Amino acid sequence: MSQTPRLAQLDALRGIAALAVVLFHYTTRYDQLFGHAQAPLVAFPHGWLGVNLFFMISGFVIFMTLERTARPMDFVVSRFSRLYPAYWGAIVLTFALTHAIGLPGKTVGWDVLAVNVTMVQGFFGVPHVDGVYWTLEVELLFYAWALLSFRLAGAAGLRHFLFACLALRLVYAAALTFWGVNLPWMGQRWLLLPYICWFALGVTIYRLSRPGGAASSSRWDVALAVAALGVMGVCDGWDLAALAAVFYAVLYGAAKGRWTWLEHPVLLWLGAISYTLYLLHENIGWAVLRRLESWGVEVHVAIAVTMALAAALAHALTHFVEQPAMRWIRDRYRARRPNGPLARAAGEGGG
């Protein structure tokens, strides 16, 4: 089944976010860690903000998925089938290629690879096979909190949880600013306080963009969006809050299907491979860049070749692992629950 325009446009924005992160890692971050043979003419020092856009889109998608699943296991299967097969393929490819090509200081052993299969290795102090995997732990925690709060009290429960986290974020900031006290870091980590504003904004975009929402609920959603931007301004700076407001407007327009230019085939393809591209690009790309530049390949050519290779690997992983595995897992689950809502939500965009 083809995606609705709004989901297609959201996927395209996810692809643009992934591309921003890739460009950041291949220009600015690579130069910081390894040093390009010569400085690229164009760098992308702010490309890391693509991760924040990912979190905002996840807030949208997760609330949409929760509304479409009647049982907790439907949600778990939906998220598991979306995240884990591609991730397992990515850690194997990254482990193999970085060892084969070489990437000093970034390769890990078999024991680390085994723990990375869980996707929650960071909670146990185990290194990641690839540094970008830290965001997956953030996503998994948000999924868990969202599912718990939604199952307890529906949309209001998730909204209350987000309001509480925003208030706690202010408490942490006030304790540090006015009393010089660093409150427990684990509290910030487990409640996702550094990123909760972005998830909250994504949730409100879904709620406000869907047709037929109650006026009273809309007012609370607007209040949550304003609160998230305000907390971000106080805690992270008003320049970042202003950028978040721009992201918000763009995502809201996509959620309403207004940005038809995002439906260009190249952008839709980039959106389709965005998750696997994000998983594969960093360490493999850095290893390839080091090897190419050590051979005397001009820096811009090296970056272009590396980006093409990362995209090709991502395309292959998407079409030969991620999509078939996701269909297989969901089909097996539907066979056990043929009338389950997961069957109706299978065409959703990924988180």
Protein backbone atom coordinates (compact mmCIF):
# COMPACT_ATOMS: atom_id res chain seq x y z
CA MET A 1 0.00 0.00 0.00
CA SER A 2 1.43 3.40 -0.93
CA GLN A 3 1.92 5.96 1.77
CA THR A 4 -0.35 8.94 2.23
CA PRO A 5 1.22 12.26 1.13
CA ARG A 6 1.88 13.36 4.69
CA LEU A 7 3.74 10.16 5.60
CA ALA A 8 5.70 10.32 2.35
CA GLN A 9 6.66 13.91 3.09
CA LEU A 10 7.65 13.06 6.66
CA ASP A 11 9.81 10.21 5.35
CA ALA A 12 11.48 12.63 2.92
CA LEU A 13 12.25 14.98 5.82
CA ARG A 14 13.74 12.04 7.70
CA GLY A 15 15.93 11.43 4.69
CA ILE A 16 17.08 15.05 4.65
CA ALA A 17 17.85 14.80 8.37
CA ALA A 18 19.95 11.67 7.75
CA LEU A 19 21.82 13.40 4.94
CA ALA A 20 22.59 16.35 7.23
CA VAL A 21 24.09 14.01 9.83
CA VAL A 22 26.14 12.21 7.18
CA LEU A 23 27.55 15.48 5.84
CA PHE A 24 28.40 16.60 9.37
CA HIS A 25 30.27 13.37 10.09
CA TYR A 26 32.14 13.33 6.77
CA THR A 27 33.25 16.96 6.90
CA THR A 28 33.35 18.58 10.35
CA ARG A 29 33.50 15.57 12.66
CA TYR A 30 35.98 13.61 10.52
CA ASP A 31 38.25 16.64 10.43
CA GLN A 32 38.12 16.91 14.24
CA LEU A 33 38.99 13.24 14.77
CA PHE A 34 41.31 12.31 11.93
CA GLY A 35 42.00 15.43 9.89
CA HIS A 36 41.28 15.72 6.19
CA ALA A 37 44.28 15.89 3.87
CA GLN A 38 42.95 19.33 2.98
CA ALA A 39 40.01 21.28 4.36
CA PRO A 40 36.78 20.72 2.39
CA LEU A 41 35.45 23.83 0.69
CA VAL A 42 32.12 23.36 2.45
CA ALA A 43 31.63 21.94 5.94
CA PHE A 44 28.42 21.14 7.82
CA PRO A 45 29.13 21.94 11.48
CA HIS A 46 25.42 22.10 12.32
CA GLY A 47 24.44 18.90 10.54
CA TRP A 48 24.19 17.12 13.91
CA LEU A 49 20.87 18.91 14.36
CA GLY A 50 19.42 16.32 12.02
CA VAL A 51 19.30 14.05 15.09
CA ASN A 52 16.96 16.52 16.81
CA LEU A 53 14.74 16.44 13.75
CA PHE A 54 14.73 12.63 14.00
CA PHE A 55 13.51 12.87 17.59
CA MET A 56 10.73 15.26 16.61
CA ILE A 57 9.57 12.94 13.82
CA SER A 58 9.70 10.02 16.27
CA GLY A 59 7.34 11.85 18.61
CA PHE A 60 4.88 12.15 15.73
CA VAL A 61 5.19 8.53 14.59
CA ILE A 62 5.09 6.96 18.05
CA PHE A 63 1.87 8.70 19.05
CA MET A 64 0.33 7.73 15.72
CA THR A 65 1.37 4.10 16.28
CA LEU A 66 0.00 4.07 19.83
CA GLU A 67 -3.36 5.31 18.62
CA ARG A 68 -3.51 2.54 16.02
CA THR A 69 -2.59 -0.36 18.32
CA ALA A 70 -5.07 -1.76 20.82
CA ARG A 71 -2.65 -4.11 22.62
CA PRO A 72 0.79 -3.39 24.03
CA MET A 73 2.26 -6.33 22.11
CA ASP A 74 1.05 -4.82 18.82
CA PHE A 75 3.16 -1.75 19.58
CA VAL A 76 6.16 -3.84 20.66
CA VAL A 77 6.07 -5.94 17.49
CA SER A 78 5.68 -2.83 15.33
CA ARG A 79 8.71 -1.16 16.87
CA PHE A 80 10.82 -4.32 17.12
CA SER A 81 10.27 -5.21 13.47
CA ARG A 82 11.12 -1.66 12.45
CA LEU A 83 14.32 -1.28 14.44
CA TYR A 84 16.08 -4.55 15.14
CA PRO A 85 16.54 -6.45 11.83
CA ALA A 86 18.20 -3.47 10.11
CA TYR A 87 20.24 -2.77 13.24
CA TRP A 88 21.54 -6.34 13.42
CA GLY A 89 22.55 -6.18 9.78
CA ALA A 90 24.26 -2.85 10.37
CA ILE A 91 26.33 -3.95 13.36
CA VAL A 92 27.61 -7.00 11.46
CA LEU A 93 28.52 -4.92 8.40
CA THR A 94 30.14 -2.20 10.49
CA PHE A 95 32.12 -4.68 12.58
CA ALA A 96 33.34 -6.57 9.51
CA LEU A 97 34.21 -3.59 7.31
CA THR A 98 35.95 -1.50 9.97
CA HIS A 99 38.13 -4.47 10.87
CA ALA A 100 38.84 -5.18 7.20
CA ILE A 101 39.63 -1.58 6.22
CA GLY A 102 40.94 -0.34 9.57
CA LEU A 103 39.78 2.49 11.83
CA PRO A 104 42.17 3.12 14.73
CA GLY A 105 40.45 3.67 18.06
CA LYS A 106 36.99 2.78 16.76
CA THR A 107 37.02 -0.98 16.26
CA VAL A 108 35.70 -3.29 18.99
CA GLY A 109 36.01 -6.96 19.90
CA TRP A 110 33.65 -9.90 19.57
CA ASP A 111 32.46 -9.54 23.17
CA VAL A 112 31.36 -5.96 22.52
CA LEU A 113 29.66 -7.04 19.30
CA ALA A 114 27.69 -9.69 21.20
CA VAL A 115 26.38 -7.18 23.76
CA ASN A 116 25.54 -4.69 21.01
CA VAL A 117 22.96 -7.15 19.69
CA THR A 118 20.68 -5.95 22.52
CA MET A 119 20.76 -2.27 21.40
CA VAL A 120 20.93 -1.24 25.08
CA GLN A 121 24.67 -1.74 25.57
CA GLY A 122 25.17 1.86 26.70
CA PHE A 123 23.13 1.22 29.85
CA PHE A 124 25.74 -1.35 30.86
CA GLY A 125 28.75 0.80 30.02
CA VAL A 126 29.61 -1.28 26.93
CA PRO A 127 30.92 0.67 23.90
CA HIS A 128 28.87 0.93 20.73
CA VAL A 129 29.99 -0.79 17.54
CA ASP A 130 29.25 2.60 15.96
CA GLY A 131 28.93 5.84 17.89
CA VAL A 132 25.61 6.84 16.31
CA TYR A 133 23.84 4.02 18.15
CA TRP A 134 23.48 6.16 21.28
CA THR A 135 20.34 7.68 19.76
CA LEU A 136 18.69 4.25 19.51
CA GLU A 137 18.79 3.92 23.29
CA VAL A 138 17.11 7.31 23.56
CA GLU A 139 14.43 6.14 21.12
CA LEU A 140 13.86 2.88 23.02
CA LEU A 141 13.45 4.73 26.31
CA PHE A 142 10.95 7.11 24.76
CA TYR A 143 9.01 4.16 23.32
CA ALA A 144 8.86 2.57 26.77
CA TRP A 145 7.70 5.72 28.57
CA ALA A 146 5.22 6.55 25.81
CA LEU A 147 3.71 3.06 25.89
CA LEU A 148 3.48 3.00 29.68
CA SER A 149 1.90 6.43 30.04
CA PHE A 150 -0.46 5.87 27.11
CA ARG A 151 -1.64 2.51 28.42
CA LEU A 152 -2.27 3.98 31.87
CA ALA A 153 -4.27 7.04 30.81
CA GLY A 154 -4.41 7.36 27.02
CA ALA A 155 -3.43 10.57 25.28
CA ALA A 156 -3.82 12.53 28.51
CA GLY A 157 -1.39 10.19 30.26
CA LEU A 158 1.32 10.76 27.67
CA ARG A 159 0.68 14.49 27.75
CA HIS A 160 0.95 14.55 31.56
CA PHE A 161 4.21 12.61 31.38
CA LEU A 162 5.65 15.10 28.89
CA PHE A 163 4.53 18.11 30.97
CA ALA A 164 6.11 16.53 34.06
CA CYS A 165 9.40 15.94 32.25
CA LEU A 166 9.45 19.53 30.98
CA ALA A 167 8.92 20.78 34.54
CA LEU A 168 11.69 18.52 35.82
CA ARG A 169 14.00 19.84 33.12
CA LEU A 170 13.47 23.33 34.54
CA VAL A 171 14.18 22.04 38.04
CA TYR A 172 17.50 20.59 36.89
CA ALA A 173 18.40 23.83 35.12
CA ALA A 174 17.42 25.98 38.13
CA ALA A 175 19.40 23.83 40.56
CA LEU A 176 22.53 24.27 38.47
CA THR A 177 22.03 27.96 37.67
CA PHE A 178 20.98 29.29 41.07
CA TRP A 179 22.56 26.87 43.53
CA GLY A 180 25.38 25.29 41.54
CA VAL A 181 23.98 21.85 42.24
CA ASN A 182 24.18 19.08 39.67
CA LEU A 183 21.17 16.86 40.26
CA PRO A 184 21.60 13.14 39.51
CA TRP A 185 22.61 12.63 35.90
CA MET A 186 20.84 9.26 35.77
CA GLY A 187 17.53 11.04 36.32
CA GLN A 188 18.16 13.10 33.23
CA ARG A 189 19.16 10.03 31.26
CA TRP A 190 16.27 7.77 32.21
CA LEU A 191 13.68 10.51 31.72
CA LEU A 192 15.31 11.79 28.49
CA LEU A 193 15.37 15.34 29.81
CA PRO A 194 17.94 16.70 27.28
CA TYR A 195 15.73 15.53 24.38
CA ILE A 196 12.20 15.53 25.79
CA CYS A 197 11.31 18.89 24.21
CA TRP A 198 11.85 17.48 20.72
CA PHE A 199 9.70 14.41 21.36
CA ALA A 200 6.98 16.58 22.90
CA LEU A 201 6.93 18.83 19.85
CA GLY A 202 6.55 15.83 17.55
CA VAL A 203 3.65 14.47 19.59
CA THR A 204 1.81 17.79 19.36
CA ILE A 205 2.37 18.02 15.59
CA TYR A 206 0.58 14.70 15.14
CA ARG A 207 -2.23 15.68 17.50
CA LEU A 208 -2.78 19.11 15.96
CA SER A 209 -2.47 18.02 12.34
CA ARG A 210 -4.92 15.13 12.39
CA PRO A 211 -8.52 15.86 11.38
CA GLY A 212 -11.35 15.92 13.87
CA GLY A 213 -9.45 16.67 17.09
CA ALA A 214 -11.47 18.08 19.99
CA ALA A 215 -11.02 21.77 20.70
CA SER A 216 -10.23 21.15 24.37
CA SER A 217 -7.52 18.63 23.46
CA SER A 218 -6.09 21.01 20.87
CA ARG A 219 -5.68 23.70 23.49
CA TRP A 220 -3.67 21.34 25.69
CA ASP A 221 -1.55 20.31 22.72
CA VAL A 222 -0.83 23.94 21.86
CA ALA A 223 0.09 24.54 25.50
CA LEU A 224 2.45 21.55 25.42
CA ALA A 225 4.13 22.81 22.25
CA VAL A 226 4.57 26.31 23.70
CA ALA A 227 5.89 24.85 26.95
CA ALA A 228 8.41 22.67 25.08
CA LEU A 229 9.72 25.63 23.08
CA GLY A 230 9.88 27.75 26.23
CA VAL A 231 11.78 25.12 28.20
CA MET A 232 14.15 24.64 25.30
CA GLY A 233 14.77 28.39 25.15
CA VAL A 234 15.50 28.61 28.89
CA CYS A 235 17.66 25.48 29.09
CA ASP A 236 19.31 25.24 25.68
CA GLY A 237 19.21 28.78 24.30
CA TRP A 238 16.67 30.77 22.35
CA ASP A 239 18.54 30.29 19.09
CA LEU A 240 17.93 26.54 19.30
CA ALA A 241 14.31 27.16 20.29
CA ALA A 242 13.90 29.39 17.22
CA LEU A 243 15.31 26.63 15.02
CA ALA A 244 12.94 24.14 16.67
CA ALA A 245 10.05 26.45 15.82
CA VAL A 246 11.17 26.41 12.17
CA PHE A 247 11.39 22.60 12.26
CA TYR A 248 7.93 22.58 13.81
CA ALA A 249 6.42 24.66 11.01
CA VAL A 250 8.06 22.50 8.34
CA LEU A 251 6.96 19.24 9.96
CA TYR A 252 3.44 20.53 10.54
CA GLY A 253 3.20 21.43 6.86
CA ALA A 254 4.45 17.96 5.91
CA ALA A 255 1.95 16.38 8.30
CA LYS A 256 -0.79 18.24 6.43
CA GLY A 257 0.63 17.12 3.07
CA ARG A 258 1.44 20.68 1.96
CA TRP A 259 5.04 20.29 0.75
CA THR A 260 4.59 18.44 -2.53
CA TRP A 261 8.19 19.22 -3.47
CA LEU A 262 9.21 16.66 -0.83
CA GLU A 263 7.62 13.94 -2.95
CA HIS A 264 10.48 14.05 -5.46
CA PRO A 265 11.63 10.47 -6.18
CA VAL A 266 15.17 11.15 -4.95
CA LEU A 267 13.93 12.51 -1.63
CA LEU A 268 11.48 9.65 -1.23
CA TRP A 269 14.30 7.17 -1.90
CA LEU A 270 16.48 8.96 0.63
CA GLY A 271 13.64 8.78 3.13
CA ALA A 272 13.21 5.05 2.48
CA ILE A 273 16.88 4.34 3.28
CA SER A 274 17.25 6.99 6.02
CA TYR A 275 17.35 4.54 8.93
CA THR A 276 19.88 2.19 7.39
CA LEU A 277 21.95 5.10 6.07
CA TYR A 278 22.09 6.53 9.57
CA LEU A 279 23.11 3.16 11.03
CA LEU A 280 25.85 2.44 8.48
CA HIS A 281 27.45 5.73 7.54
CA GLU A 282 29.74 6.78 10.40
CA ASN A 283 32.48 4.27 11.15
CA ILE A 284 32.37 2.59 7.74
CA GLY A 285 32.49 6.01 6.09
CA TRP A 286 35.38 7.19 8.22
CA ALA A 287 37.36 4.02 7.46
CA VAL A 288 36.78 4.46 3.73
CA LEU A 289 37.66 8.16 3.87
CA ARG A 290 40.93 7.44 5.66
CA ARG A 291 41.87 4.81 3.14
CA LEU A 292 40.98 6.95 0.10
CA GLU A 293 42.81 10.02 1.37
CA SER A 294 45.85 7.92 2.28
CA TRP A 295 45.92 6.89 -1.38
CA GLY A 296 46.00 10.53 -2.41
CA VAL A 297 42.38 10.80 -3.56
CA GLU A 298 41.27 14.45 -3.57
CA VAL A 299 39.16 15.23 -0.49
CA HIS A 300 35.93 16.16 -2.29
CA VAL A 301 36.15 13.10 -4.51
CA ALA A 302 36.81 10.95 -1.44
CA ILE A 303 33.75 12.35 0.34
CA ALA A 304 31.56 11.87 -2.74
CA VAL A 305 32.74 8.28 -3.24
CA THR A 306 32.22 7.51 0.45
CA MET A 307 28.71 8.97 0.41
CA ALA A 308 27.85 6.91 -2.67
CA LEU A 309 29.16 3.75 -1.00
CA ALA A 310 27.21 4.46 2.22
CA ALA A 311 24.02 5.06 0.21
CA ALA A 312 24.55 1.85 -1.77
CA LEU A 313 25.07 -0.20 1.40
CA ALA A 314 22.02 1.43 2.98
CA HIS A 315 19.91 0.68 -0.09
CA ALA A 316 20.98 -2.96 -0.05
CA LEU A 317 20.37 -3.33 3.69
CA THR A 318 16.94 -1.72 3.35
CA HIS A 319 15.77 -3.89 0.48
CA PHE A 320 17.39 -7.20 1.36
CA VAL A 321 17.20 -7.16 5.17
CA GLU A 322 15.09 -4.42 6.73
CA GLN A 323 11.95 -4.58 4.59
CA PRO A 324 11.75 -8.38 4.12
CA ALA A 325 12.42 -9.00 7.83
CA MET A 326 9.85 -6.41 8.89
CA ARG A 327 7.22 -7.95 6.63
CA TRP A 328 8.06 -11.48 7.81
CA ILE A 329 7.83 -10.57 11.51
CA ARG A 330 4.58 -8.66 11.08
CA ASP A 331 3.04 -11.36 8.89
CA ARG A 332 3.86 -14.03 11.49
CA TYR A 333 2.31 -11.85 14.18
CA ARG A 334 -0.81 -11.16 12.11
CA ALA A 335 -1.19 -14.87 11.44
CA ARG A 336 -1.57 -15.35 15.18
CA ARG A 337 -3.86 -12.30 15.54
CA PRO A 338 -5.52 -11.92 12.11
CA ASN A 339 -7.91 -9.17 13.25
CA GLY A 340 -5.29 -7.20 15.15
CA PRO A 341 -4.78 -3.49 14.56
CA LEU A 342 -1.17 -4.05 13.56
CA ALA A 343 -2.49 -5.20 10.19
CA ARG A 344 -4.11 -1.83 9.67
CA ALA A 345 -1.06 0.13 10.83
CA ALA A 346 1.54 -1.73 8.80
CA GLY A 347 1.95 1.09 6.32
CA GLU A 348 3.03 3.59 8.95
CA GLY A 349 6.24 5.50 8.63
CA GLY A 350 9.13 4.28 10.72
CA GLY A 351 10.48 5.86 13.84
